[in-house]
Amino acid sequence: MSHLKSNGIESYYISLNPYMIGRNIRGFLSSDVLIINFPPERRDDIETYHEAQIKSLLSELRYSQVTKIIFVSSTSVYPDLNREVVEEDAISPEKLSGRALLSIERLLLDNKNFKTTVLRFGGLIGYDRKPGAFLSGRKGLTGGGSPVNLIHRDDCIGVIETILKKGVWEETFNACADIHPNRKDYYTEQAGIGGFDPPEFEESEKSAYKIVNSGKLKSLTAYDFKYPDPSTIREN
């Protein structure tokens, strides 16, 4: 908070455990637009817990001026269908986190008190999120031939800014880099760039996978990815 304040940003400390507590919640929610961007926690009851968190937030939103919401979701809402996936393919997520997120997406999109746009981001890379470190030194890895679905942090911010500037509401968008290198080649190369120990894969065949298609986002917003190919990023 002190770092934010030193940069001229008004900051608040708000907690959802799962009920919303904090000082000056009304002041925190004094905005036309609210961006919800925190992942489900790793816990066995995450589906009910995350829903309770968002419902607690919604109870406070009734007294706010918020009319629009951007909800940052994840491509974990998609099962591994061994093909390209689009927004309509989020039907039965395999991961608990994916189920929790999909439930919240529906909860927000169905609420008529505000307009919601959902952004399903791929795996986050860039700055302190160094992909070369993700699998560094790990051995016996499988799925080396499977494609990765990634997005640079600059593109996450760029997509959010585009939604705000163009006023694209009540939509759901995938947001991933256009190019999907295979897991083995990508993480091995990135480990070398960052000076990390390379991962070791048992094989290079594709295991169950998905390729996230961001065509709808580019079609409706004309967003142009800054980093369409994660293999070209040379951060260390």
Protein backbone atom coordinates (compact mmCIF):
# COMPACT_ATOMS: atom_id res chain seq x y z
CA MET A 1 0.00 0.00 0.00
CA SER A 2 2.86 2.42 0.79
CA HIS A 3 4.36 1.72 -2.65
CA LEU A 4 1.03 2.50 -4.33
CA LYS A 5 0.59 5.67 -2.30
CA SER A 6 4.13 6.82 -3.13
CA ASN A 7 3.12 6.63 -6.80
CA GLY A 8 0.00 8.71 -6.29
CA ILE A 9 -2.44 5.78 -6.30
CA GLU A 10 -5.23 5.75 -3.72
CA SER A 11 -5.11 2.35 -2.02
CA TYR A 12 -7.41 0.27 0.15
CA TYR A 13 -6.94 -2.95 2.11
CA ILE A 14 -9.93 -5.21 1.52
CA SER A 15 -10.27 -8.86 2.51
CA LEU A 16 -12.67 -11.59 1.34
CA ASN A 17 -12.39 -14.51 3.77
CA PRO A 18 -14.92 -15.25 2.34
CA TYR A 19 -16.90 -12.27 3.64
CA MET A 20 -15.87 -8.78 2.67
CA ILE A 21 -14.20 -6.72 5.38
CA GLY A 22 -12.05 -3.62 5.31
CA ARG A 23 -11.96 0.07 6.03
CA ASN A 24 -13.99 2.37 3.81
CA ILE A 25 -15.44 -0.29 1.50
CA ARG A 26 -17.87 2.28 0.13
CA GLY A 27 -14.95 4.50 -0.81
CA PHE A 28 -13.20 1.57 -2.46
CA LEU A 29 -16.28 0.86 -4.57
CA SER A 30 -16.76 4.51 -5.54
CA SER A 31 -16.22 3.87 -9.24
CA ASP A 32 -18.21 3.31 -12.41
CA VAL A 33 -16.13 0.26 -13.31
CA LEU A 34 -14.85 -2.55 -11.07
CA ILE A 35 -12.14 -4.98 -12.20
CA ILE A 36 -12.26 -8.29 -10.33
CA ASN A 37 -8.91 -10.01 -10.66
CA PHE A 38 -7.95 -12.53 -8.01
CA PRO A 39 -7.67 -16.28 -8.57
CA PRO A 40 -9.52 -19.01 -6.66
CA GLU A 41 -7.49 -20.28 -3.72
CA ARG A 42 -6.19 -23.85 -3.71
CA ARG A 43 -8.60 -25.54 -1.32
CA ASP A 44 -10.96 -28.50 -1.49
CA ASP A 45 -14.08 -26.36 -1.05
CA ILE A 46 -13.02 -23.73 -3.57
CA GLU A 47 -16.27 -23.87 -5.55
CA THR A 48 -18.45 -22.90 -2.59
CA TYR A 49 -15.79 -20.67 -1.01
CA HIS A 50 -15.13 -18.60 -4.15
CA GLU A 51 -18.85 -18.21 -4.74
CA ALA A 52 -19.25 -16.95 -1.17
CA GLN A 53 -16.46 -14.43 -1.77
CA ILE A 54 -18.13 -13.02 -4.88
CA LYS A 55 -21.61 -13.01 -3.34
CA SER A 56 -20.22 -11.03 -0.41
CA LEU A 57 -18.79 -8.53 -2.89
CA LEU A 58 -22.11 -8.38 -4.73
CA SER A 59 -23.91 -7.54 -1.50
CA GLU A 60 -21.71 -4.44 -1.16
CA LEU A 61 -22.09 -3.51 -4.82
CA ARG A 62 -25.80 -2.89 -4.21
CA TYR A 63 -24.81 0.31 -2.39
CA SER A 64 -22.19 1.42 -4.91
CA GLN A 65 -22.13 3.37 -8.18
CA VAL A 66 -20.53 0.47 -10.07
CA THR A 67 -22.38 -0.16 -13.33
CA LYS A 68 -19.78 -2.21 -15.22
CA ILE A 69 -17.50 -5.10 -14.25
CA ILE A 70 -14.50 -6.72 -15.90
CA PHE A 71 -14.03 -10.21 -14.49
CA VAL A 72 -10.63 -11.76 -15.09
CA SER A 73 -11.19 -15.48 -15.52
CA SER A 74 -8.90 -18.17 -16.91
CA THR A 75 -8.61 -20.71 -19.71
CA SER A 76 -8.85 -23.38 -16.99
CA VAL A 77 -12.60 -23.27 -17.65
CA TYR A 78 -11.90 -25.41 -20.72
CA PRO A 79 -11.40 -29.17 -20.56
CA ASP A 80 -8.64 -30.70 -22.68
CA LEU A 81 -10.59 -31.42 -25.86
CA ASN A 82 -7.52 -32.14 -28.03
CA ARG A 83 -8.46 -29.34 -30.42
CA GLU A 84 -8.89 -25.61 -30.69
CA VAL A 85 -11.38 -24.21 -28.17
CA VAL A 86 -13.60 -21.12 -28.40
CA GLU A 87 -15.71 -19.36 -25.81
CA GLU A 88 -18.70 -21.70 -26.21
CA ASP A 89 -16.60 -24.75 -25.27
CA ALA A 90 -16.53 -23.94 -21.54
CA ILE A 91 -19.10 -26.52 -20.50
CA SER A 92 -17.57 -28.96 -18.01
CA PRO A 93 -14.18 -27.86 -16.61
CA GLU A 94 -11.96 -30.63 -15.28
CA LYS A 95 -10.15 -28.55 -12.63
CA LEU A 96 -11.82 -27.33 -9.43
CA SER A 97 -10.51 -23.83 -10.12
CA GLY A 98 -12.08 -23.93 -13.58
CA ARG A 99 -15.44 -24.97 -12.16
CA ALA A 100 -15.29 -22.20 -9.58
CA LEU A 101 -14.47 -19.58 -12.21
CA LEU A 102 -17.16 -20.71 -14.63
CA SER A 103 -19.73 -20.55 -11.84
CA ILE A 104 -18.70 -16.97 -11.03
CA GLU A 105 -18.76 -15.97 -14.70
CA ARG A 106 -22.38 -17.07 -14.93
CA LEU A 107 -23.26 -15.41 -11.62
CA LEU A 108 -21.94 -12.05 -12.81
CA LEU A 109 -23.21 -12.24 -16.39
CA ASP A 110 -26.71 -13.08 -15.15
CA ASN A 111 -26.80 -10.10 -12.77
CA LYS A 112 -28.79 -7.28 -14.36
CA ASN A 113 -27.59 -4.58 -11.94
CA PHE A 114 -24.44 -4.06 -14.01
CA LYS A 115 -22.85 -5.05 -17.30
CA THR A 116 -20.07 -7.63 -17.13
CA THR A 117 -17.37 -8.60 -19.60
CA VAL A 118 -15.37 -11.76 -18.88
CA LEU A 119 -11.72 -12.10 -19.94
CA ARG A 120 -10.30 -15.62 -19.99
CA PHE A 121 -6.56 -15.07 -19.87
CA GLY A 122 -4.01 -17.77 -20.64
CA GLY A 123 -0.93 -18.45 -18.54
CA LEU A 124 0.66 -15.20 -17.42
CA ILE A 125 4.23 -14.38 -18.48
CA GLY A 126 6.38 -11.26 -18.43
CA TYR A 127 8.40 -9.22 -15.94
CA ASP A 128 8.66 -11.23 -12.69
CA ARG A 129 6.69 -14.11 -14.26
CA LYS A 130 9.68 -15.72 -15.96
CA PRO A 131 8.63 -18.84 -17.90
CA GLY A 132 12.19 -20.19 -17.79
CA ALA A 133 11.76 -20.65 -14.05
CA PHE A 134 8.37 -22.37 -14.19
CA LEU A 135 9.68 -25.90 -14.84
CA SER A 136 13.38 -25.33 -14.13
CA GLY A 137 15.23 -28.48 -13.11
CA ARG A 138 12.16 -30.68 -13.05
CA LYS A 139 12.59 -34.21 -14.42
CA GLY A 140 10.28 -36.85 -15.88
CA LEU A 141 7.82 -34.32 -17.28
CA THR A 142 5.21 -35.47 -19.78
CA GLY A 143 3.21 -33.63 -22.41
CA GLY A 144 6.27 -32.10 -24.05
CA GLY A 145 4.55 -32.06 -27.44
CA SER A 146 1.43 -30.29 -26.19
CA PRO A 147 0.85 -26.63 -27.12
CA VAL A 148 1.01 -23.87 -24.49
CA ASN A 149 -1.54 -21.08 -24.07
CA LEU A 150 0.19 -17.95 -22.78
CA ILE A 151 -0.24 -14.19 -22.59
CA HIS A 152 2.23 -11.45 -21.69
CA ARG A 153 1.28 -9.07 -18.90
CA ASP A 154 1.47 -6.10 -21.29
CA ASP A 155 -1.22 -7.76 -23.41
CA CYS A 156 -3.40 -8.39 -20.35
CA ILE A 157 -3.30 -4.66 -19.61
CA GLY A 158 -3.76 -3.84 -23.29
CA VAL A 159 -6.89 -5.99 -23.54
CA ILE A 160 -8.39 -4.46 -20.39
CA GLU A 161 -7.69 -0.94 -21.67
CA THR A 162 -9.29 -1.81 -25.01
CA ILE A 163 -12.48 -3.06 -23.33
CA LEU A 164 -12.69 0.13 -21.28
CA LYS A 165 -11.96 2.53 -24.15
CA LYS A 166 -14.28 0.85 -26.65
CA GLY A 167 -17.03 0.03 -24.15
CA VAL A 168 -17.36 -3.63 -25.11
CA TRP A 169 -19.67 -5.04 -22.45
CA GLU A 170 -21.69 -8.20 -21.82
CA GLU A 171 -19.22 -10.33 -23.72
CA THR A 172 -16.86 -13.22 -22.94
CA PHE A 173 -13.43 -13.29 -24.57
CA ASN A 174 -10.46 -15.61 -24.72
CA ALA A 175 -7.14 -13.78 -24.53
CA CYS A 176 -4.03 -15.77 -25.47
CA ALA A 177 -1.06 -15.20 -27.73
CA ASP A 178 -1.72 -16.32 -31.32
CA ILE A 179 1.19 -18.77 -31.48
CA HIS A 180 1.23 -21.92 -29.34
CA PRO A 181 4.70 -23.51 -29.25
CA ASN A 182 5.03 -26.97 -27.78
CA ARG A 183 5.72 -27.28 -24.10
CA LYS A 184 9.14 -28.97 -24.31
CA ASP A 185 10.69 -26.59 -26.84
CA TYR A 186 9.29 -23.47 -25.23
CA TYR A 187 10.24 -24.10 -21.60
CA THR A 188 13.64 -25.52 -22.51
CA GLU A 189 14.45 -22.46 -24.62
CA GLN A 190 13.18 -20.05 -21.97
CA ALA A 191 15.23 -21.77 -19.27
CA GLY A 192 18.32 -21.12 -21.40
CA ILE A 193 17.41 -17.46 -21.93
CA GLY A 194 16.91 -16.91 -18.20
CA GLY A 195 19.92 -18.92 -17.09
CA PHE A 196 17.84 -21.59 -15.34
CA ASP A 197 18.38 -25.35 -15.26
CA PRO A 198 16.44 -26.88 -18.18
CA PRO A 199 13.50 -29.21 -17.54
CA GLU A 200 13.67 -32.82 -18.69
CA PHE A 201 10.76 -34.42 -20.55
CA GLU A 202 10.17 -38.15 -20.89
CA GLU A 203 8.69 -37.86 -24.35
CA SER A 204 7.55 -35.28 -26.87
CA GLU A 205 4.15 -36.67 -27.85
CA LYS A 206 1.03 -34.62 -27.26
CA SER A 207 -0.93 -35.61 -24.18
CA ALA A 208 -4.44 -34.21 -23.67
CA TYR A 209 -4.40 -30.57 -24.71
CA LYS A 210 -6.32 -27.52 -25.89
CA ILE A 211 -5.43 -24.59 -28.15
CA VAL A 212 -7.17 -21.43 -27.01
CA ASN A 213 -8.50 -19.33 -29.90
CA SER A 214 -8.68 -15.54 -29.38
CA GLY A 215 -10.34 -14.80 -32.70
CA LYS A 216 -13.50 -13.38 -31.14
CA LEU A 217 -11.52 -10.81 -29.14
CA LYS A 218 -9.61 -9.63 -32.20
CA SER A 219 -12.73 -9.57 -34.36
CA LEU A 220 -14.94 -7.54 -32.00
CA THR A 221 -12.31 -5.21 -30.53
CA ALA A 222 -9.59 -5.12 -33.24
CA TYR A 223 -7.03 -5.77 -30.50
CA ASP A 224 -3.53 -6.35 -31.86
CA PHE A 225 -1.34 -8.46 -29.56
CA LYS A 226 1.99 -6.89 -28.61
CA TYR A 227 3.45 -10.38 -28.15
CA PRO A 228 1.61 -12.72 -30.56
CA ASP A 229 4.43 -15.30 -30.32
CA PRO A 230 5.70 -16.01 -26.78
CA SER A 231 8.83 -17.62 -28.25
CA THR A 232 10.05 -14.21 -29.41
CA ILE A 233 10.11 -12.77 -25.88
CA ARG A 234 13.65 -12.49 -24.58
CA GLU A 235 13.24 -11.34 -20.99
CA ASN A 236 15.72 -12.59 -18.39
